[in-house]
Protein backbone atom coordinates (compact mmCIF):
# COMPACT_ATOMS: atom_id res chain seq x y z
CA MET A 1 112.12 88.65 107.36
CA ASP A 2 111.72 86.30 104.42
CA ALA A 3 113.07 83.27 106.25
CA GLY A 4 110.86 84.00 109.26
CA TYR A 5 107.82 84.32 107.02
CA ALA A 6 108.63 81.05 105.26
CA ILE A 7 109.00 79.27 108.61
CA CYS A 8 105.67 80.67 109.81
CA CYS A 9 103.99 79.44 106.59
CA ILE A 10 105.44 75.95 107.04
CA VAL A 11 104.37 75.80 110.69
CA PHE A 12 100.84 76.96 109.78
CA GLU A 13 100.65 74.32 107.06
CA LEU A 14 101.72 71.62 109.55
CA GLU A 15 99.15 72.85 112.06
CA THR A 16 96.38 72.59 109.47
CA LEU A 17 97.36 68.97 108.86
CA PHE A 18 96.91 68.06 112.53
CA MET A 19 93.98 70.38 113.31
CA PRO A 20 91.54 70.39 110.39
CA GLY A 21 89.34 72.96 112.16
CA LEU A 22 91.89 75.66 111.28
CA GLY A 23 90.89 75.43 107.65
CA THR A 24 93.02 74.97 104.61
CA SER A 25 95.71 77.13 103.13
CA ASP A 26 97.10 77.48 99.65
CA ILE A 27 99.61 79.51 97.70
CA LYS A 28 97.12 82.38 97.24
CA LEU A 29 96.92 83.02 100.95
CA PHE A 30 100.69 82.96 101.42
CA ALA A 31 101.38 85.17 98.39
CA PHE A 32 98.84 87.85 99.31
CA MET A 33 99.91 87.93 102.95
CA PHE A 34 103.56 88.20 101.89
CA LEU A 35 102.69 91.20 99.74
CA ILE A 36 100.72 92.87 102.54
CA VAL A 37 103.47 92.28 105.10
CA SER A 38 106.13 93.46 102.63
CA VAL A 39 104.28 96.69 101.90
CA PHE A 40 103.71 97.40 105.59
CA ILE A 41 107.32 96.67 106.58
CA GLY A 42 108.59 98.41 103.44
CA ILE A 43 106.83 101.62 104.42
CA TYR A 44 107.30 101.38 108.17
CA LEU A 45 111.05 100.79 108.42
CA PRO A 46 112.30 103.73 106.32
CA ILE A 47 109.90 106.08 108.12
CA GLN A 48 111.07 104.75 111.47
CA TYR A 49 114.73 105.16 110.45
CA LYS A 50 114.08 108.70 109.23
CA PHE A 51 112.10 110.04 112.20
CA GLY A 52 113.15 107.69 115.01
CA TYR A 53 111.33 105.10 117.07
CA GLU A 54 109.96 107.53 119.65
CA LYS A 55 108.22 109.71 117.05
CA THR A 56 106.72 106.83 115.04
CA LYS A 57 105.68 104.30 117.68
CA PHE A 58 102.33 105.92 118.48
CA ALA A 59 101.25 106.44 114.84
CA PHE A 60 102.01 102.88 113.81
CA GLY A 61 100.49 101.52 117.01
CA VAL A 62 97.22 103.19 116.06
CA ILE A 63 97.47 101.81 112.52
CA ILE A 64 98.09 98.30 113.80
CA MET A 65 95.19 98.49 116.25
CA ALA A 66 92.81 99.98 113.65
CA SER A 67 93.72 97.69 110.74
CA PRO A 68 91.33 94.84 111.71
CA PHE A 69 88.47 97.32 111.45
CA ILE A 70 89.65 99.41 108.49
CA LEU A 71 90.79 96.65 106.12
CA PRO A 72 87.40 94.85 105.92
CA LEU A 73 85.69 98.18 105.22
CA LEU A 74 88.15 98.94 102.44
CA MET A 75 87.69 95.48 100.96
CA ARG A 76 83.90 95.88 100.89
CA ALA A 77 83.99 99.42 99.54
CA GLY A 78 86.54 98.73 96.81
CA ASN A 79 85.18 97.99 93.36
CA LEU A 80 88.48 96.75 92.01
CA ASN A 81 87.97 94.61 88.92
CA LEU A 82 90.74 92.00 88.66
CA ASN A 83 89.01 89.66 86.20
CA PHE A 84 91.76 90.16 83.61
CA LEU A 85 94.12 88.17 85.87
CA SER A 86 92.16 84.99 85.10
CA MET A 87 93.71 85.02 81.60
CA PHE A 88 97.12 84.20 83.10
CA SER A 89 98.40 81.07 84.78
CA PRO A 90 97.78 81.12 88.56
CA TYR A 91 101.44 80.35 89.20
CA LEU A 92 102.42 83.35 87.07
CA VAL A 93 100.03 85.64 88.94
CA TYR A 94 101.09 84.49 92.41
CA GLY A 95 104.75 84.45 91.40
CA GLY A 96 104.32 88.05 90.26
CA ILE A 97 102.75 88.95 93.59
CA VAL A 98 105.69 87.43 95.45
CA LEU A 99 108.15 89.25 93.16
CA ILE A 100 106.37 92.54 93.82
CA GLY A 101 106.74 91.82 97.55
CA PHE A 102 110.48 91.21 97.12
CA ALA A 103 110.78 94.41 95.05
CA VAL A 104 109.06 96.42 97.79
CA LEU A 105 111.47 94.99 100.35
CA ALA A 106 114.48 95.74 98.12
CA ILE A 107 113.36 99.35 97.59
CA SER A 108 112.77 99.71 101.33
CA ALA A 109 116.23 98.36 102.11
CA SER A 110 117.89 100.75 99.66
CA LEU A 111 115.96 103.72 101.13
CA SER A 112 116.92 102.65 104.64
CA ILE A 113 120.58 102.42 103.64
CA LYS A 114 120.45 105.92 102.13
CA ILE A 115 118.87 107.26 105.31
CA TYR A 116 121.58 105.64 107.46
CA ASP A 117 124.34 106.94 105.16
CA LYS A 118 123.19 110.50 105.89
CA ALA A 119 122.76 109.92 109.62
CA ASP A 120 125.45 110.87 112.11
CA LEU A 121 125.59 107.88 114.46
CA ALA A 122 128.37 109.30 116.66
């Protein structure tokens, strides 16, 4: 997943060089999106391994279809004060965000391995 995400980021960056109408991108965008994708995949995969694809496909399909409507509402409604982060170096903050994303993926992988260890695949 990490290599695929890195390749997508590089391709998007190249596209913004040739098509300025796409806007600009920076490390903030890539770090936050990596964290969001890591959390989603980190929650989805162990649940899918535990309950099976057939039982989870509808629930996560609804979540995926509803997320473009729900996420903006949550962002507007949230009064999360993150001003204390301005005291730190931006590279430290975004590096921490990326490390949290890797930690979520590592925890998800260990949970998935534990689930598969208990499963009878015969």
